[in-house]
Amino acid sequence: MQSSWSGMGRRSSSVTVAAPFWGTADWEAEWALPGDWPSGESELPPIFLFHSRDDEEISVDHLERYAERLPDATVQVLDGNGHLYDRGDLTPILSAVWSLSAS
């Protein structure tokens, strides 16, 4: 399977916050990344991954699994934001969004 987002007409990007890394068992398979994605031939847009170290719902090791699969992604562990990001400093996330709108 060859993945390329270049055919979408304009450059896309992804800013992901507190995303669970889904497995392949049962209902999770629908949400899991395909096993061979991304391939060495994939051209991926900018990807920013954020996760709070004190997330009460999804442990930060999910971010580490995404970082392994997406080595070109910008990965940042944050402190003090919890799961809902209803507290703490959101500046790193906003900066990532702003950087995308400037390009």
C-alpha atoms as a PDB file:
ATOM      1  CA  MET A   1       0.000   0.000   0.000  1.00  0.00           C
ATOM      2  CA  GLN A   2       1.422   3.356  -1.001  1.00  0.00           C
ATOM      3  CA  SER A   3       0.255   6.363   0.963  1.00  0.00           C
ATOM      4  CA  SER A   4       0.584   9.907  -0.268  1.00  0.00           C
ATOM      5  CA  TRP A   5      -1.342  12.963   0.741  1.00  0.00           C
ATOM      6  CA  SER A   6       0.014  15.002  -2.164  1.00  0.00           C
ATOM      7  CA  GLY A   7      -3.064  14.281  -4.277  1.00  0.00           C
ATOM      8  CA  MET A   8      -5.333  16.205  -1.931  1.00  0.00           C
ATOM      9  CA  GLY A   9      -4.875  19.447  -3.846  1.00  0.00           C
ATOM     10  CA  ARG A  10      -3.407  21.441  -0.975  1.00  0.00           C
ATOM     11  CA  ARG A  11      -1.041  20.592   1.794  1.00  0.00           C
ATOM     12  CA  SER A  12      -2.754  19.049   4.774  1.00  0.00           C
ATOM     13  CA  SER A  13      -1.458  18.677   8.278  1.00  0.00           C
ATOM     14  CA  SER A  14      -2.351  17.117  11.588  1.00  0.00           C
ATOM     15  CA  VAL A  15      -2.273  18.422  15.142  1.00  0.00           C
ATOM     16  CA  THR A  16      -3.216  15.608  17.491  1.00  0.00           C
ATOM     17  CA  VAL A  17      -3.802  15.942  21.235  1.00  0.00           C
ATOM     18  CA  ALA A  18      -4.181  13.021  23.670  1.00  0.00           C
ATOM     19  CA  ALA A  19      -4.868  10.473  20.927  1.00  0.00           C
ATOM     20  CA  PRO A  20      -5.062   6.844  21.969  1.00  0.00           C
ATOM     21  CA  PHE A  21      -2.920   4.446  19.974  1.00  0.00           C
ATOM     22  CA  TRP A  22      -5.471   1.846  18.938  1.00  0.00           C
ATOM     23  CA  GLY A  23      -4.582  -1.811  18.739  1.00  0.00           C
ATOM     24  CA  THR A  24      -5.847  -4.330  16.215  1.00  0.00           C
ATOM     25  CA  ALA A  25      -8.086  -6.419  18.470  1.00  0.00           C
ATOM     26  CA  ASP A  26     -11.860  -6.350  18.235  1.00  0.00           C
ATOM     27  CA  TRP A  27     -13.441  -2.906  17.791  1.00  0.00           C
ATOM     28  CA  GLU A  28     -10.095  -1.078  17.992  1.00  0.00           C
ATOM     29  CA  ALA A  29      -9.039  -2.353  14.565  1.00  0.00           C
ATOM     30  CA  GLU A  30     -11.322   0.196  12.884  1.00  0.00           C
ATOM     31  CA  TRP A  31      -9.265   3.033  14.390  1.00  0.00           C
ATOM     32  CA  ALA A  32      -5.774   1.510  14.189  1.00  0.00           C
ATOM     33  CA  LEU A  33      -3.104   2.688  11.770  1.00  0.00           C
ATOM     34  CA  PRO A  34      -2.610   0.156   8.977  1.00  0.00           C
ATOM     35  CA  GLY A  35       0.317  -2.114   9.865  1.00  0.00           C
ATOM     36  CA  ASP A  36       2.406  -1.039   6.872  1.00  0.00           C
ATOM     37  CA  TRP A  37       1.695   2.685   7.170  1.00  0.00           C
ATOM     38  CA  PRO A  38       3.530   4.889   6.728  1.00  0.00           C
ATOM     39  CA  SER A  39       5.780   3.172   4.250  1.00  0.00           C
ATOM     40  CA  GLY A  40       9.167   4.483   3.168  1.00  0.00           C
ATOM     41  CA  GLU A  41       7.413   5.878   0.088  1.00  0.00           C
ATOM     42  CA  SER A  42       4.866   7.907   2.061  1.00  0.00           C
ATOM     43  CA  GLU A  43       4.960  11.665   1.793  1.00  0.00           C
ATOM     44  CA  LEU A  44       3.405  12.944   4.972  1.00  0.00           C
ATOM     45  CA  PRO A  45       2.398  16.492   5.790  1.00  0.00           C
ATOM     46  CA  PRO A  46       3.562  18.160   9.004  1.00  0.00           C
ATOM     47  CA  ILE A  47       2.328  16.190  12.000  1.00  0.00           C
ATOM     48  CA  PHE A  48       2.316  17.494  15.576  1.00  0.00           C
ATOM     49  CA  LEU A  49       1.587  15.108  18.441  1.00  0.00           C
ATOM     50  CA  PHE A  50       0.891  16.339  21.977  1.00  0.00           C
ATOM     51  CA  HIS A  51       0.077  14.455  25.144  1.00  0.00           C
ATOM     52  CA  SER A  52      -0.060  15.510  28.763  1.00  0.00           C
ATOM     53  CA  ARG A  53       2.056  13.499  31.169  1.00  0.00           C
ATOM     54  CA  ASP A  54      -0.772  13.657  33.746  1.00  0.00           C
ATOM     55  CA  ASP A  55      -3.545  12.453  31.402  1.00  0.00           C
ATOM     56  CA  GLU A  56      -5.950  10.499  33.614  1.00  0.00           C
ATOM     57  CA  GLU A  57      -7.550   8.560  30.736  1.00  0.00           C
ATOM     58  CA  ILE A  58      -4.815   7.717  28.218  1.00  0.00           C
ATOM     59  CA  SER A  59      -1.261   7.137  29.382  1.00  0.00           C
ATOM     60  CA  VAL A  60       1.589   9.009  27.752  1.00  0.00           C
ATOM     61  CA  ASP A  61       3.031   5.758  26.374  1.00  0.00           C
ATOM     62  CA  HIS A  62       0.413   6.027  23.598  1.00  0.00           C
ATOM     63  CA  LEU A  63       2.293   9.113  22.390  1.00  0.00           C
ATOM     64  CA  GLU A  64       5.534   7.137  22.417  1.00  0.00           C
ATOM     65  CA  ARG A  65       3.958   4.485  20.169  1.00  0.00           C
ATOM     66  CA  TYR A  66       2.860   7.150  17.680  1.00  0.00           C
ATOM     67  CA  ALA A  67       6.342   8.673  17.791  1.00  0.00           C
ATOM     68  CA  GLU A  68       7.827   5.301  16.824  1.00  0.00           C
ATOM     69  CA  ARG A  69       5.446   4.972  13.854  1.00  0.00           C
ATOM     70  CA  LEU A  70       5.773   8.613  12.784  1.00  0.00           C
ATOM     71  CA  PRO A  71       9.458   9.475  13.310  1.00  0.00           C
ATOM     72  CA  ASP A  72       9.222  12.755  11.389  1.00  0.00           C
ATOM     73  CA  ALA A  73       6.397  14.055  13.582  1.00  0.00           C
ATOM     74  CA  THR A  74       6.970  16.835  16.071  1.00  0.00           C
ATOM     75  CA  VAL A  75       6.273  15.181  19.428  1.00  0.00           C
ATOM     76  CA  GLN A  76       5.862  17.013  22.707  1.00  0.00           C
ATOM     77  CA  VAL A  77       4.979  15.754  26.165  1.00  0.00           C
ATOM     78  CA  LEU A  78       3.250  18.464  28.189  1.00  0.00           C
ATOM     79  CA  ASP A  79       2.820  18.781  31.934  1.00  0.00           C
ATOM     80  CA  GLY A  80      -0.271  19.793  33.860  1.00  0.00           C
ATOM     81  CA  ASN A  81      -2.937  19.649  31.130  1.00  0.00           C
ATOM     82  CA  GLY A  82      -4.775  16.476  32.138  1.00  0.00           C
ATOM     83  CA  HIS A  83      -6.853  14.637  29.547  1.00  0.00           C
ATOM     84  CA  LEU A  84      -9.276  17.403  28.574  1.00  0.00           C
ATOM     85  CA  TYR A  85      -6.685  20.199  28.369  1.00  0.00           C
ATOM     86  CA  ASP A  86      -8.915  22.289  30.598  1.00  0.00           C
ATOM     87  CA  ARG A  87      -5.911  23.515  32.573  1.00  0.00           C
ATOM     88  CA  GLY A  88      -2.244  24.218  31.994  1.00  0.00           C
ATOM     89  CA  ASP A  89      -0.400  26.054  29.244  1.00  0.00           C
ATOM     90  CA  LEU A  90      -1.753  25.513  25.729  1.00  0.00           C
ATOM     91  CA  THR A  91       0.895  27.699  24.077  1.00  0.00           C
ATOM     92  CA  PRO A  92       2.797  24.783  22.470  1.00  0.00           C
ATOM     93  CA  ILE A  93      -0.376  23.495  20.800  1.00  0.00           C
ATOM     94  CA  LEU A  94      -1.459  26.931  19.637  1.00  0.00           C
ATOM     95  CA  SER A  95       2.025  27.623  18.303  1.00  0.00           C
ATOM     96  CA  ALA A  96       1.840  24.456  16.196  1.00  0.00           C
ATOM     97  CA  VAL A  97      -1.517  25.517  14.734  1.00  0.00           C
ATOM     98  CA  TRP A  98      -0.257  29.046  14.068  1.00  0.00           C
ATOM     99  CA  SER A  99       2.878  27.702  12.356  1.00  0.00           C
ATOM    100  CA  LEU A 100       0.674  25.767   9.947  1.00  0.00           C
ATOM    101  CA  SER A 101      -1.503  28.744   9.102  1.00  0.00           C
ATOM    102  CA  ALA A 102       1.616  30.818   8.344  1.00  0.00           C
ATOM    103  CA  SER A 103       2.921  28.348   5.756  1.00  0.00           C
END
